[in-house]
Amino acid sequence: MRKKALLMDEAQLGRCAARLAHEIIERNKGVEELALVGIRRRGEPLARRLGELLSRFEGQPVPVGALDITFYRDDLSHKTPDPTLNATEIDFSIGDKTVVLVDDVLYTGRTARAAMDALMDVGRPRRVQLAVLVDRGHRELPIRADFVGKNVPTAQNEFVRVALPEYDGETGVWLCDKE
């Protein structure tokens, strides 16, 4: 992987998350009956960060969970012969709530589709919305995000790398070349 351009540093990512939180509040007229579910891996810490911001801005807690979509992926056989399972951690009812699925990068739409399938096995939310840090285009399925931190047009030989301290020891978003 070769980093081509820094798209967001730590401060920019923080401002982007705050803007996303405000957009979520505005669209949903507050945070009552709202829950966030981060798609494992990097969607989870982003969901936790957004949950903290929403709670701070609105003065009431917002439940945050994590969703493992490993066995819901339609490309699992192409990814790895021995997939790693992570637990789904949703310790609240999603029934009749607006659930905001959170992920780092929206690309083909396959991850978001798998997440919606996995979420429906947990319960039946009133509404599902999608929040992503970066939308890089190249959709293969008719899926769009409700909340987008940054739109980044990319070529097929590029990818967007999101680094978060929980997994990477650093914070930033880079446009990279596939090698």
C-alpha atoms as a PDB file:
ATOM      1  CA  MET A   1       0.000   0.000   0.000  1.00  0.00           C
ATOM      2  CA  ARG A   2       1.305   3.415  -0.946  1.00  0.00           C
ATOM      3  CA  LYS A   3      -0.273   6.472   0.647  1.00  0.00           C
ATOM      4  CA  LYS A   4      -0.992   9.074  -2.049  1.00  0.00           C
ATOM      5  CA  ALA A   5      -2.812  11.807  -0.172  1.00  0.00           C
ATOM      6  CA  LEU A   6      -3.957  12.617   3.335  1.00  0.00           C
ATOM      7  CA  LEU A   7      -7.715  13.166   3.149  1.00  0.00           C
ATOM      8  CA  MET A   8      -8.339  13.835   6.860  1.00  0.00           C
ATOM      9  CA  ASP A   9      -6.015  14.288   9.792  1.00  0.00           C
ATOM     10  CA  GLU A  10      -7.107  13.764  13.411  1.00  0.00           C
ATOM     11  CA  ALA A  11      -8.554  17.268  13.796  1.00  0.00           C
ATOM     12  CA  GLN A  12     -10.432  17.093  10.492  1.00  0.00           C
ATOM     13  CA  LEU A  13     -11.837  13.672  11.387  1.00  0.00           C
ATOM     14  CA  GLY A  14     -13.041  15.096  14.719  1.00  0.00           C
ATOM     15  CA  ARG A  15     -14.792  17.985  13.000  1.00  0.00           C
ATOM     16  CA  CYS A  16     -16.288  15.601  10.450  1.00  0.00           C
ATOM     17  CA  ALA A  17     -17.670  13.382  13.228  1.00  0.00           C
ATOM     18  CA  ALA A  18     -19.177  16.410  14.990  1.00  0.00           C
ATOM     19  CA  ARG A  19     -20.854  17.504  11.741  1.00  0.00           C
ATOM     20  CA  LEU A  20     -22.223  13.998  11.171  1.00  0.00           C
ATOM     21  CA  ALA A  21     -23.601  13.959  14.727  1.00  0.00           C
ATOM     22  CA  HIS A  22     -25.362  17.287  14.165  1.00  0.00           C
ATOM     23  CA  GLU A  23     -26.820  16.044  10.860  1.00  0.00           C
ATOM     24  CA  ILE A  24     -28.127  12.891  12.587  1.00  0.00           C
ATOM     25  CA  ILE A  25     -29.757  15.002  15.311  1.00  0.00           C
ATOM     26  CA  GLU A  26     -31.303  17.364  12.792  1.00  0.00           C
ATOM     27  CA  ARG A  27     -32.650  14.654  10.479  1.00  0.00           C
ATOM     28  CA  ASN A  28     -34.131  12.680  13.382  1.00  0.00           C
ATOM     29  CA  LYS A  29     -35.364  15.727  15.352  1.00  0.00           C
ATOM     30  CA  GLY A  30     -33.291  14.714  18.363  1.00  0.00           C
ATOM     31  CA  VAL A  31     -32.014  11.390  19.634  1.00  0.00           C
ATOM     32  CA  GLU A  32     -35.079   9.843  21.254  1.00  0.00           C
ATOM     33  CA  GLU A  33     -35.704   6.347  19.911  1.00  0.00           C
ATOM     34  CA  LEU A  34     -32.326   6.468  18.164  1.00  0.00           C
ATOM     35  CA  ALA A  35     -29.562   3.847  18.361  1.00  0.00           C
ATOM     36  CA  LEU A  36     -26.193   3.532  16.652  1.00  0.00           C
ATOM     37  CA  VAL A  37     -24.739   0.242  15.442  1.00  0.00           C
ATOM     38  CA  GLY A  38     -21.184   0.163  14.169  1.00  0.00           C
ATOM     39  CA  ILE A  39     -20.205  -2.360  11.515  1.00  0.00           C
ATOM     40  CA  ARG A  40     -17.162  -4.260  12.747  1.00  0.00           C
ATOM     41  CA  ARG A  41     -14.262  -3.320  12.486  1.00  0.00           C
ATOM     42  CA  ARG A  42     -13.769   0.380  12.022  1.00  0.00           C
ATOM     43  CA  GLY A  43     -17.457   1.272  12.040  1.00  0.00           C
ATOM     44  CA  GLU A  44     -17.598   0.276  15.711  1.00  0.00           C
ATOM     45  CA  PRO A  45     -15.225   2.937  17.121  1.00  0.00           C
ATOM     46  CA  LEU A  46     -16.774   5.518  14.796  1.00  0.00           C
ATOM     47  CA  ALA A  47     -20.232   4.638  16.160  1.00  0.00           C
ATOM     48  CA  ARG A  48     -18.937   4.970  19.733  1.00  0.00           C
ATOM     49  CA  ARG A  49     -17.440   8.377  18.914  1.00  0.00           C
ATOM     50  CA  LEU A  50     -20.702   9.520  17.305  1.00  0.00           C
ATOM     51  CA  GLY A  51     -22.666   8.166  20.281  1.00  0.00           C
ATOM     52  CA  GLU A  52     -20.554  10.223  22.694  1.00  0.00           C
ATOM     53  CA  LEU A  53     -21.068  13.338  20.579  1.00  0.00           C
ATOM     54  CA  LEU A  54     -24.827  12.789  20.268  1.00  0.00           C
ATOM     55  CA  SER A  55     -25.129  12.259  24.021  1.00  0.00           C
ATOM     56  CA  ARG A  56     -23.088  15.380  24.757  1.00  0.00           C
ATOM     57  CA  PHE A  57     -25.001  17.555  22.280  1.00  0.00           C
ATOM     58  CA  GLU A  58     -28.449  16.341  23.340  1.00  0.00           C
ATOM     59  CA  GLY A  59     -27.852  15.648  27.039  1.00  0.00           C
ATOM     60  CA  GLN A  60     -29.159  12.087  26.988  1.00  0.00           C
ATOM     61  CA  PRO A  61     -27.521   8.729  26.348  1.00  0.00           C
ATOM     62  CA  VAL A  62     -27.723   7.076  22.944  1.00  0.00           C
ATOM     63  CA  PRO A  63     -27.301   3.284  22.854  1.00  0.00           C
ATOM     64  CA  VAL A  64     -24.380   2.066  20.755  1.00  0.00           C
ATOM     65  CA  GLY A  65     -23.759  -1.493  19.595  1.00  0.00           C
ATOM     66  CA  ALA A  66     -21.475  -3.414  17.260  1.00  0.00           C
ATOM     67  CA  LEU A  67     -22.476  -5.744  14.436  1.00  0.00           C
ATOM     68  CA  ASP A  68     -20.444  -8.595  12.989  1.00  0.00           C
ATOM     69  CA  ILE A  69     -21.440  -9.237   9.375  1.00  0.00           C
ATOM     70  CA  THR A  70     -18.908 -11.961   8.550  1.00  0.00           C
ATOM     71  CA  PHE A  71     -21.386 -14.687   7.614  1.00  0.00           C
ATOM     72  CA  TYR A  72     -23.733 -12.265   5.845  1.00  0.00           C
ATOM     73  CA  ARG A  73     -21.183 -11.236   3.231  1.00  0.00           C
ATOM     74  CA  ASP A  74     -21.791 -12.457  -0.322  1.00  0.00           C
ATOM     75  CA  ASP A  75     -18.059 -12.283  -1.043  1.00  0.00           C
ATOM     76  CA  LEU A  76     -16.849 -14.266   1.979  1.00  0.00           C
ATOM     77  CA  SER A  77     -15.273 -17.001  -0.143  1.00  0.00           C
ATOM     78  CA  HIS A  78     -13.249 -14.349  -2.005  1.00  0.00           C
ATOM     79  CA  LYS A  79     -12.047 -12.617   1.174  1.00  0.00           C
ATOM     80  CA  THR A  80     -10.465 -15.443   3.158  1.00  0.00           C
ATOM     81  CA  PRO A  81     -10.702 -19.214   3.472  1.00  0.00           C
ATOM     82  CA  ASP A  82     -10.716 -18.945   7.294  1.00  0.00           C
ATOM     83  CA  PRO A  83     -12.839 -15.952   8.388  1.00  0.00           C
ATOM     84  CA  THR A  84     -12.392 -14.380  11.815  1.00  0.00           C
ATOM     85  CA  LEU A  85     -15.603 -14.024  13.782  1.00  0.00           C
ATOM     86  CA  ASN A  86     -16.246 -11.049  16.027  1.00  0.00           C
ATOM     87  CA  ALA A  87     -19.215 -10.995  18.345  1.00  0.00           C
ATOM     88  CA  THR A  88     -22.258  -8.881  17.652  1.00  0.00           C
ATOM     89  CA  GLU A  89     -22.795  -6.716  20.719  1.00  0.00           C
ATOM     90  CA  ILE A  90     -26.235  -5.126  20.762  1.00  0.00           C
ATOM     91  CA  ASP A  91     -27.464  -5.200  24.347  1.00  0.00           C
ATOM     92  CA  PHE A  92     -30.586  -3.121  23.775  1.00  0.00           C
ATOM     93  CA  SER A  93     -33.783  -3.614  21.805  1.00  0.00           C
ATOM     94  CA  ILE A  94     -33.721  -2.181  18.306  1.00  0.00           C
ATOM     95  CA  GLY A  95     -37.450  -2.737  17.886  1.00  0.00           C
ATOM     96  CA  ASP A  96     -39.260   0.452  16.937  1.00  0.00           C
ATOM     97  CA  LYS A  97     -36.013   2.463  16.972  1.00  0.00           C
ATOM     98  CA  THR A  98     -34.286   4.355  14.219  1.00  0.00           C
ATOM     99  CA  VAL A  99     -30.986   2.516  13.872  1.00  0.00           C
ATOM    100  CA  VAL A 100     -28.076   4.338  12.294  1.00  0.00           C
ATOM    101  CA  LEU A 101     -25.603   1.835  10.845  1.00  0.00           C
ATOM    102  CA  VAL A 102     -22.105   3.318  10.952  1.00  0.00           C
ATOM    103  CA  ASP A 103     -19.179   2.323   8.749  1.00  0.00           C
ATOM    104  CA  ASP A 104     -15.873   3.858   7.746  1.00  0.00           C
ATOM    105  CA  VAL A 105     -15.996   3.620   3.922  1.00  0.00           C
ATOM    106  CA  LEU A 106     -18.891   3.053   1.530  1.00  0.00           C
ATOM    107  CA  TYR A 107     -17.691   1.451  -1.691  1.00  0.00           C
ATOM    108  CA  THR A 108     -19.694  -1.226  -3.543  1.00  0.00           C
ATOM    109  CA  GLY A 109     -22.582  -1.298  -1.071  1.00  0.00           C
ATOM    110  CA  ARG A 110     -22.114  -4.991  -0.280  1.00  0.00           C
ATOM    111  CA  THR A 111     -21.024  -4.393   3.312  1.00  0.00           C
ATOM    112  CA  ALA A 112     -24.045  -2.163   3.958  1.00  0.00           C
ATOM    113  CA  ARG A 113     -26.372  -4.786   2.442  1.00  0.00           C
ATOM    114  CA  ALA A 114     -24.845  -7.506   4.618  1.00  0.00           C
ATOM    115  CA  ALA A 115     -25.196  -5.263   7.676  1.00  0.00           C
ATOM    116  CA  MET A 116     -28.891  -4.690   6.986  1.00  0.00           C
ATOM    117  CA  ASP A 117     -29.430  -8.458   6.684  1.00  0.00           C
ATOM    118  CA  ALA A 118     -27.558  -9.078   9.954  1.00  0.00           C
ATOM    119  CA  LEU A 119     -29.468  -6.292  11.709  1.00  0.00           C
ATOM    120  CA  MET A 120     -32.828  -7.810  10.725  1.00  0.00           C
ATOM    121  CA  ASP A 121     -31.794 -11.023  12.469  1.00  0.00           C
ATOM    122  CA  VAL A 122     -31.354  -9.008  15.683  1.00  0.00           C
ATOM    123  CA  GLY A 123     -34.762  -7.301  15.521  1.00  0.00           C
ATOM    124  CA  ARG A 124     -37.020  -5.109  13.449  1.00  0.00           C
ATOM    125  CA  PRO A 125     -36.118  -1.425  13.625  1.00  0.00           C
ATOM    126  CA  ARG A 126     -38.628   1.237  12.617  1.00  0.00           C
ATOM    127  CA  ARG A 127     -36.080   2.752  10.237  1.00  0.00           C
ATOM    128  CA  VAL A 128     -32.476   2.102   9.210  1.00  0.00           C
ATOM    129  CA  GLN A 129     -30.147   4.902   8.192  1.00  0.00           C
ATOM    130  CA  LEU A 130     -26.540   4.659   7.029  1.00  0.00           C
ATOM    131  CA  ALA A 131     -23.718   6.955   8.151  1.00  0.00           C
ATOM    132  CA  VAL A 132     -20.244   6.671   6.618  1.00  0.00           C
ATOM    133  CA  LEU A 133     -17.067   8.607   7.113  1.00  0.00           C
ATOM    134  CA  VAL A 134     -16.094   8.368   3.418  1.00  0.00           C
ATOM    135  CA  ASP A 135     -18.126   7.572   0.298  1.00  0.00           C
ATOM    136  CA  ARG A 136     -15.741   6.619  -2.504  1.00  0.00           C
ATOM    137  CA  GLY A 137     -18.299   5.684  -5.167  1.00  0.00           C
ATOM    138  CA  HIS A 138     -18.236   2.607  -7.434  1.00  0.00           C
ATOM    139  CA  ARG A 139     -21.530   1.148  -6.199  1.00  0.00           C
ATOM    140  CA  GLU A 140     -22.507  -2.361  -7.282  1.00  0.00           C
ATOM    141  CA  LEU A 141     -25.807  -2.291  -5.370  1.00  0.00           C
ATOM    142  CA  PRO A 142     -28.436   0.479  -5.194  1.00  0.00           C
ATOM    143  CA  ILE A 143     -27.392   1.708  -1.739  1.00  0.00           C
ATOM    144  CA  ARG A 144     -26.658   5.253  -0.647  1.00  0.00           C
ATOM    145  CA  ALA A 145     -25.643   6.733   2.677  1.00  0.00           C
ATOM    146  CA  ASP A 146     -27.955   9.081   4.561  1.00  0.00           C
ATOM    147  CA  PHE A 147     -25.004  10.797   6.232  1.00  0.00           C
ATOM    148  CA  VAL A 148     -21.603  11.196   4.535  1.00  0.00           C
ATOM    149  CA  GLY A 149     -18.541  12.748   6.100  1.00  0.00           C
ATOM    150  CA  LYS A 150     -16.623  13.193   2.843  1.00  0.00           C
ATOM    151  CA  ASN A 151     -17.191  12.188  -0.775  1.00  0.00           C
ATOM    152  CA  VAL A 152     -13.943  11.073  -2.390  1.00  0.00           C
ATOM    153  CA  PRO A 153     -14.049  10.047  -6.055  1.00  0.00           C
ATOM    154  CA  THR A 154     -11.549   7.224  -6.542  1.00  0.00           C
ATOM    155  CA  ALA A 155     -10.153   5.139  -9.357  1.00  0.00           C
ATOM    156  CA  GLN A 156     -10.524   1.342  -9.289  1.00  0.00           C
ATOM    157  CA  ASN A 157      -6.814   0.960  -8.498  1.00  0.00           C
ATOM    158  CA  GLU A 158      -7.128   3.171  -5.407  1.00  0.00           C
ATOM    159  CA  PHE A 159      -8.619   2.625  -1.983  1.00  0.00           C
ATOM    160  CA  VAL A 160      -9.356   4.678   1.106  1.00  0.00           C
ATOM    161  CA  ARG A 161      -7.568   3.702   4.316  1.00  0.00           C
ATOM    162  CA  VAL A 162      -9.125   4.825   7.583  1.00  0.00           C
ATOM    163  CA  ALA A 163      -6.799   4.585  10.585  1.00  0.00           C
ATOM    164  CA  LEU A 164      -8.258   4.746  14.088  1.00  0.00           C
ATOM    165  CA  PRO A 165      -6.355   4.529  17.378  1.00  0.00           C
ATOM    166  CA  GLU A 166      -8.390   1.509  18.545  1.00  0.00           C
ATOM    167  CA  TYR A 167      -6.890  -0.616  15.751  1.00  0.00           C
ATOM    168  CA  ASP A 168      -4.050   1.318  14.181  1.00  0.00           C
ATOM    169  CA  GLY A 169      -2.466   3.475  16.871  1.00  0.00           C
ATOM    170  CA  GLU A 170      -3.013   6.583  14.745  1.00  0.00           C
ATOM    171  CA  THR A 171      -5.874   8.657  13.355  1.00  0.00           C
ATOM    172  CA  GLY A 172      -6.258   9.685   9.745  1.00  0.00           C
ATOM    173  CA  VAL A 173      -7.797   8.957   6.372  1.00  0.00           C
ATOM    174  CA  TRP A 174      -5.602   8.403   3.314  1.00  0.00           C
ATOM    175  CA  LEU A 175      -6.118   7.814  -0.374  1.00  0.00           C
ATOM    176  CA  CYS A 176      -3.830   4.907  -1.299  1.00  0.00           C
ATOM    177  CA  ASP A 177      -2.723   2.966  -4.370  1.00  0.00           C
ATOM    178  CA  LYS A 178      -3.311  -0.772  -4.502  1.00  0.00           C
ATOM    179  CA  GLU A 179       0.013  -2.504  -5.060  1.00  0.00           C
END
